[in-house]
Structures are given as structure tokens and as C-alpha cells.
Amino acid sequence: MQTNKVELFQKSIDSSSDEAIIGLLAELRESGEDYMLPTIINLLFSSRSENLKNEVVNFLVDLKNKSSIVTIIETIKQNKRSKDIHLLVSVCWQSRLDFTPHIDIFIDIMEHGNYQACLEAFTVLENIIENLNSDELSDLKKKIKSAKSENPETQPLIAELEKVLNEH
């Protein structure tokens, strides 16, 4: 039964215009269900308009259900090399959800992501610092110290995060 609902929702989204989906997002803020989330998130990695992608980000930022974290992290893992991954990573610091247990994925994005993704991951990690106890903070400092980026554009961000961590 659940699979059928997912497939029907996916088909509905696939056949809808960007404008219709934007209208639907407003309705789903009140009545959306968890099974809809992967389909909505995957719009960020589609060839849809920037306007729709921005509306999806706004929708995701407002999520309050902790079960959304798992779906968001899984989607980040599956798409972490996508040019649009920065959109989903930005949700992680803009939302009120706690992504502290998933620090490693953001370090990975800082090491291997494009500049925009790295900048968003930096912001996530910067916001997480306050949630860490001294052992977790020490562990994060070690991981960032050993983080290496092949991308010359992102190396300064890693160095800056190391400075920020050393101030705590």
C-alpha cells in the first residue's frame, strides 16, 4: 500500500508543472506525509526551475519532524557530488533540526564538494559547534585538522573552520 502511494505521488509530481508543485508545497506544509519527502527533496536534483528549487528549500527549512533528518542525510549521501547539493546542505543549517550526529557527512562535503557545497557545510558545522561536548569538539578539531581538499577554492574554508574550532 505504501509503495503505491509513493508511486502515485511521484507520478503526480512528474506530470505537474513547476507552478502546480509550488502550489502543492503550500498545501503539504499542513498535510504532508513522510512518504512524500524523498520525492520533494529529489526535485532539487532535477532539471526543474530555480524558482521551484528555492521553494523546495523553503519548504524543507520549515520541517519540524525529526524523522526528516534521516531522509535528508540519506539524500545528501546519494547526491553529495551533485552540482545542486549545496541547496540541500543549506537546509541543514537553516532548519531547526539537529544534524549534530551527522558531522562526518559535512566534513566529507568540505573535502570533496564544490565551493558552494563547502560553504554550506562550513555553516552547518559552525552552527553545530555549540551542541558539542568537549570530547566531541576535540574529535571534530582532529577531523578538520586532517581534512584535505583537492579543490584549491575550498582549502581556505577548511583552514577558516579550523580557526573557528580553535576559538572554542
C-alpha atoms as a PDB file:
ATOM      1  CA  MET A   1       0.000   0.000   0.000  1.00  0.00           C
ATOM      2  CA  GLN A   2       2.712   2.487   0.990  1.00  0.00           C
ATOM      3  CA  THR A   3       4.671   1.778  -2.221  1.00  0.00           C
ATOM      4  CA  ASN A   4       1.559   2.516  -4.278  1.00  0.00           C
ATOM      5  CA  LYS A   5       1.104   5.894  -2.517  1.00  0.00           C
ATOM      6  CA  VAL A   6       4.760   6.743  -3.157  1.00  0.00           C
ATOM      7  CA  GLU A   7       4.482   5.804  -6.843  1.00  0.00           C
ATOM      8  CA  LEU A   8       1.258   7.766  -7.283  1.00  0.00           C
ATOM      9  CA  PHE A   9       2.767  10.819  -5.612  1.00  0.00           C
ATOM     10  CA  GLN A  10       5.906  10.525  -7.767  1.00  0.00           C
ATOM     11  CA  LYS A  11       3.807  10.296 -10.957  1.00  0.00           C
ATOM     12  CA  SER A  12       1.722  13.271  -9.853  1.00  0.00           C
ATOM     13  CA  ILE A  13       4.856  15.374  -9.283  1.00  0.00           C
ATOM     14  CA  ASP A  14       6.475  14.206 -12.533  1.00  0.00           C
ATOM     15  CA  SER A  15       3.437  15.265 -14.556  1.00  0.00           C
ATOM     16  CA  SER A  16       2.918  18.598 -12.768  1.00  0.00           C
ATOM     17  CA  SER A  17       4.218  21.999 -13.783  1.00  0.00           C
ATOM     18  CA  ASP A  18       6.609  23.864 -11.515  1.00  0.00           C
ATOM     19  CA  GLU A  19       3.812  26.306 -10.658  1.00  0.00           C
ATOM     20  CA  ALA A  20       1.459  23.474  -9.689  1.00  0.00           C
ATOM     21  CA  ILE A  21       4.140  21.892  -7.482  1.00  0.00           C
ATOM     22  CA  ILE A  22       4.790  25.247  -5.783  1.00  0.00           C
ATOM     23  CA  GLY A  23       1.068  25.440  -5.020  1.00  0.00           C
ATOM     24  CA  LEU A  24       1.112  21.868  -3.746  1.00  0.00           C
ATOM     25  CA  LEU A  25       4.029  22.637  -1.393  1.00  0.00           C
ATOM     26  CA  ALA A  26       1.862  25.224   0.358  1.00  0.00           C
ATOM     27  CA  GLU A  27      -0.787  22.544   0.974  1.00  0.00           C
ATOM     28  CA  LEU A  28       1.795  19.966   2.062  1.00  0.00           C
ATOM     29  CA  ARG A  29       3.105  22.293   4.780  1.00  0.00           C
ATOM     30  CA  GLU A  30      -0.116  21.488   6.624  1.00  0.00           C
ATOM     31  CA  SER A  31      -0.970  17.993   5.434  1.00  0.00           C
ATOM     32  CA  GLY A  32       2.208  16.429   4.017  1.00  0.00           C
ATOM     33  CA  GLU A  33       3.275  12.937   4.973  1.00  0.00           C
ATOM     34  CA  ASP A  34       6.750  11.421   5.422  1.00  0.00           C
ATOM     35  CA  TYR A  35       6.488   9.226   2.324  1.00  0.00           C
ATOM     36  CA  MET A  36       6.332  12.371   0.156  1.00  0.00           C
ATOM     37  CA  LEU A  37       9.651  13.773   1.354  1.00  0.00           C
ATOM     38  CA  PRO A  38      12.105  11.857  -0.895  1.00  0.00           C
ATOM     39  CA  THR A  39      10.148  12.877  -3.999  1.00  0.00           C
ATOM     40  CA  ILE A  40      10.085  16.521  -2.888  1.00  0.00           C
ATOM     41  CA  ILE A  41      13.801  16.553  -1.993  1.00  0.00           C
ATOM     42  CA  ASN A  42      14.746  14.976  -5.319  1.00  0.00           C
ATOM     43  CA  LEU A  43      13.248  17.979  -7.112  1.00  0.00           C
ATOM     44  CA  LEU A  44      16.437  19.797  -6.025  1.00  0.00           C
ATOM     45  CA  PHE A  45      18.446  17.469  -8.284  1.00  0.00           C
ATOM     46  CA  SER A  46      16.092  17.640 -11.250  1.00  0.00           C
ATOM     47  CA  SER A  47      16.099  19.918 -14.280  1.00  0.00           C
ATOM     48  CA  ARG A  48      13.277  21.986 -12.777  1.00  0.00           C
ATOM     49  CA  SER A  49      13.380  25.781 -12.459  1.00  0.00           C
ATOM     50  CA  GLU A  50      15.480  27.628  -9.908  1.00  0.00           C
ATOM     51  CA  ASN A  51      12.257  29.150  -8.595  1.00  0.00           C
ATOM     52  CA  LEU A  52      10.854  25.700  -7.796  1.00  0.00           C
ATOM     53  CA  LYS A  53      14.133  24.601  -6.214  1.00  0.00           C
ATOM     54  CA  ASN A  54      14.090  27.708  -3.983  1.00  0.00           C
ATOM     55  CA  GLU A  55      10.518  26.920  -2.942  1.00  0.00           C
ATOM     56  CA  VAL A  56      11.541  23.334  -2.125  1.00  0.00           C
ATOM     57  CA  VAL A  57      14.390  24.664   0.057  1.00  0.00           C
ATOM     58  CA  ASN A  58      11.935  26.970   1.849  1.00  0.00           C
ATOM     59  CA  PHE A  59       9.568  24.035   2.359  1.00  0.00           C
ATOM     60  CA  LEU A  60      12.343  21.826   3.767  1.00  0.00           C
ATOM     61  CA  VAL A  61      13.637  24.540   6.110  1.00  0.00           C
ATOM     62  CA  ASP A  62      10.235  24.580   7.791  1.00  0.00           C
ATOM     63  CA  LEU A  63      10.200  20.833   8.517  1.00  0.00           C
ATOM     64  CA  LYS A  64       9.888  20.074  12.207  1.00  0.00           C
ATOM     65  CA  ASN A  65       9.607  16.288  12.145  1.00  0.00           C
ATOM     66  CA  LYS A  66      12.846  14.680  13.396  1.00  0.00           C
ATOM     67  CA  SER A  67      12.290  11.696  11.082  1.00  0.00           C
ATOM     68  CA  SER A  68      13.020  14.118   8.208  1.00  0.00           C
ATOM     69  CA  ILE A  69      16.696  14.175   9.259  1.00  0.00           C
ATOM     70  CA  VAL A  70      17.247  10.583   8.124  1.00  0.00           C
ATOM     71  CA  THR A  71      15.713  11.258   4.698  1.00  0.00           C
ATOM     72  CA  ILE A  72      17.717  14.466   4.253  1.00  0.00           C
ATOM     73  CA  ILE A  73      21.019  12.820   5.257  1.00  0.00           C
ATOM     74  CA  GLU A  74      20.377   9.788   3.014  1.00  0.00           C
ATOM     75  CA  THR A  75      19.648  12.091   0.084  1.00  0.00           C
ATOM     76  CA  ILE A  76      22.815  14.100   0.784  1.00  0.00           C
ATOM     77  CA  LYS A  77      24.838  10.863   0.771  1.00  0.00           C
ATOM     78  CA  GLN A  78      23.277   9.766  -2.532  1.00  0.00           C
ATOM     79  CA  ASN A  79      23.803  13.151  -4.224  1.00  0.00           C
ATOM     80  CA  LYS A  80      26.873  14.554  -2.480  1.00  0.00           C
ATOM     81  CA  ARG A  81      28.722  15.063  -5.778  1.00  0.00           C
ATOM     82  CA  SER A  82      25.782  16.824  -7.458  1.00  0.00           C
ATOM     83  CA  LYS A  83      26.225  20.444  -8.505  1.00  0.00           C
ATOM     84  CA  ASP A  84      22.999  21.214  -6.616  1.00  0.00           C
ATOM     85  CA  ILE A  85      23.913  19.533  -3.296  1.00  0.00           C
ATOM     86  CA  HIS A  86      24.507  22.967  -1.718  1.00  0.00           C
ATOM     87  CA  LEU A  87      20.748  23.544  -1.799  1.00  0.00           C
ATOM     88  CA  LEU A  88      20.042  20.566   0.449  1.00  0.00           C
ATOM     89  CA  VAL A  89      23.061  21.189   2.699  1.00  0.00           C
ATOM     90  CA  SER A  90      21.814  24.753   3.263  1.00  0.00           C
ATOM     91  CA  VAL A  91      18.583  23.290   4.662  1.00  0.00           C
ATOM     92  CA  CYS A  92      20.638  21.632   7.409  1.00  0.00           C
ATOM     93  CA  TRP A  93      21.725  24.934   8.942  1.00  0.00           C
ATOM     94  CA  GLN A  94      18.588  26.920   8.135  1.00  0.00           C
ATOM     95  CA  SER A  95      16.176  24.443   9.718  1.00  0.00           C
ATOM     96  CA  ARG A  96      15.661  23.880  13.426  1.00  0.00           C
ATOM     97  CA  LEU A  97      16.506  20.184  13.073  1.00  0.00           C
ATOM     98  CA  ASP A  98      19.636  18.845  14.807  1.00  0.00           C
ATOM     99  CA  PHE A  99      22.172  17.357  12.390  1.00  0.00           C
ATOM    100  CA  THR A 100      24.909  17.004  15.042  1.00  0.00           C
ATOM    101  CA  PRO A 101      25.119  13.173  14.763  1.00  0.00           C
ATOM    102  CA  HIS A 102      25.963  13.534  11.061  1.00  0.00           C
ATOM    103  CA  ILE A 103      29.084  15.708  11.295  1.00  0.00           C
ATOM    104  CA  ASP A 104      31.138  13.347   9.117  1.00  0.00           C
ATOM    105  CA  ILE A 105      28.994  13.867   6.013  1.00  0.00           C
ATOM    106  CA  PHE A 106      29.541  17.632   6.253  1.00  0.00           C
ATOM    107  CA  ILE A 107      33.307  17.157   6.653  1.00  0.00           C
ATOM    108  CA  ASP A 108      33.230  14.924   3.560  1.00  0.00           C
ATOM    109  CA  ILE A 109      31.420  17.653   1.617  1.00  0.00           C
ATOM    110  CA  MET A 110      34.009  20.212   2.758  1.00  0.00           C
ATOM    111  CA  GLU A 111      36.762  17.943   1.472  1.00  0.00           C
ATOM    112  CA  HIS A 112      35.193  16.863  -1.811  1.00  0.00           C
ATOM    113  CA  GLY A 113      32.354  19.247  -2.635  1.00  0.00           C
ATOM    114  CA  ASN A 114      32.265  22.272  -4.891  1.00  0.00           C
ATOM    115  CA  TYR A 115      32.746  25.726  -3.373  1.00  0.00           C
ATOM    116  CA  GLN A 116      29.035  26.401  -2.752  1.00  0.00           C
ATOM    117  CA  ALA A 117      28.561  22.998  -1.094  1.00  0.00           C
ATOM    118  CA  CYS A 118      31.691  23.504   1.011  1.00  0.00           C
ATOM    119  CA  LEU A 119      30.480  26.920   2.148  1.00  0.00           C
ATOM    120  CA  GLU A 120      27.104  25.486   3.198  1.00  0.00           C
ATOM    121  CA  ALA A 121      28.796  22.564   5.020  1.00  0.00           C
ATOM    122  CA  PHE A 122      31.068  25.087   6.787  1.00  0.00           C
ATOM    123  CA  THR A 123      27.974  26.916   8.043  1.00  0.00           C
ATOM    124  CA  VAL A 124      26.364  23.672   9.234  1.00  0.00           C
ATOM    125  CA  LEU A 125      29.495  22.739  11.175  1.00  0.00           C
ATOM    126  CA  GLU A 126      29.886  26.252  12.569  1.00  0.00           C
ATOM    127  CA  ASN A 127      26.325  26.053  13.926  1.00  0.00           C
ATOM    128  CA  ILE A 128      26.826  22.552  15.329  1.00  0.00           C
ATOM    129  CA  ILE A 129      29.833  23.591  17.449  1.00  0.00           C
ATOM    130  CA  GLU A 130      27.563  24.893  20.207  1.00  0.00           C
ATOM    131  CA  ASN A 131      25.897  21.455  20.537  1.00  0.00           C
ATOM    132  CA  LEU A 132      29.144  19.559  21.145  1.00  0.00           C
ATOM    133  CA  ASN A 133      30.629  18.471  24.446  1.00  0.00           C
ATOM    134  CA  SER A 134      34.398  18.816  24.904  1.00  0.00           C
ATOM    135  CA  ASP A 135      35.180  15.284  23.638  1.00  0.00           C
ATOM    136  CA  GLU A 136      33.055  15.743  20.507  1.00  0.00           C
ATOM    137  CA  LEU A 137      34.623  19.162  19.895  1.00  0.00           C
ATOM    138  CA  SER A 138      38.099  17.684  20.260  1.00  0.00           C
ATOM    139  CA  ASP A 139      37.164  14.900  17.822  1.00  0.00           C
ATOM    140  CA  LEU A 140      35.849  17.439  15.294  1.00  0.00           C
ATOM    141  CA  LYS A 141      39.050  19.508  15.609  1.00  0.00           C
ATOM    142  CA  LYS A 142      41.132  16.408  14.780  1.00  0.00           C
ATOM    143  CA  LYS A 143      38.959  15.564  11.781  1.00  0.00           C
ATOM    144  CA  ILE A 144      39.155  19.104  10.386  1.00  0.00           C
ATOM    145  CA  LYS A 145      42.901  19.292  11.026  1.00  0.00           C
ATOM    146  CA  SER A 146      43.380  16.149   8.917  1.00  0.00           C
ATOM    147  CA  ALA A 147      40.809  17.198   6.279  1.00  0.00           C
ATOM    148  CA  LYS A 148      42.370  17.646   2.872  1.00  0.00           C
ATOM    149  CA  SER A 149      40.643  19.224  -0.082  1.00  0.00           C
ATOM    150  CA  GLU A 150      41.751  18.589  -3.648  1.00  0.00           C
ATOM    151  CA  ASN A 151      39.974  21.795  -4.579  1.00  0.00           C
ATOM    152  CA  PRO A 152      42.133  24.925  -4.124  1.00  0.00           C
ATOM    153  CA  GLU A 153      38.923  27.004  -3.868  1.00  0.00           C
ATOM    154  CA  THR A 154      37.769  25.195  -0.733  1.00  0.00           C
ATOM    155  CA  GLN A 155      41.088  24.884   1.127  1.00  0.00           C
ATOM    156  CA  PRO A 156      40.715  28.371   2.703  1.00  0.00           C
ATOM    157  CA  LEU A 157      37.286  27.405   4.073  1.00  0.00           C
ATOM    158  CA  ILE A 158      38.722  24.326   5.778  1.00  0.00           C
ATOM    159  CA  ALA A 159      41.529  26.476   7.231  1.00  0.00           C
ATOM    160  CA  GLU A 160      38.955  29.025   8.443  1.00  0.00           C
ATOM    161  CA  LEU A 161      36.869  26.306  10.102  1.00  0.00           C
ATOM    162  CA  GLU A 162      39.995  25.094  11.878  1.00  0.00           C
ATOM    163  CA  LYS A 163      40.494  28.644  13.242  1.00  0.00           C
ATOM    164  CA  VAL A 164      36.860  28.865  14.358  1.00  0.00           C
ATOM    165  CA  LEU A 165      37.136  25.496  16.135  1.00  0.00           C
ATOM    166  CA  ASN A 166      40.330  26.539  17.913  1.00  0.00           C
ATOM    167  CA  GLU A 167      38.483  29.527  19.390  1.00  0.00           C
ATOM    168  CA  HIS A 168      36.181  27.100  21.250  1.00  0.00           C
END
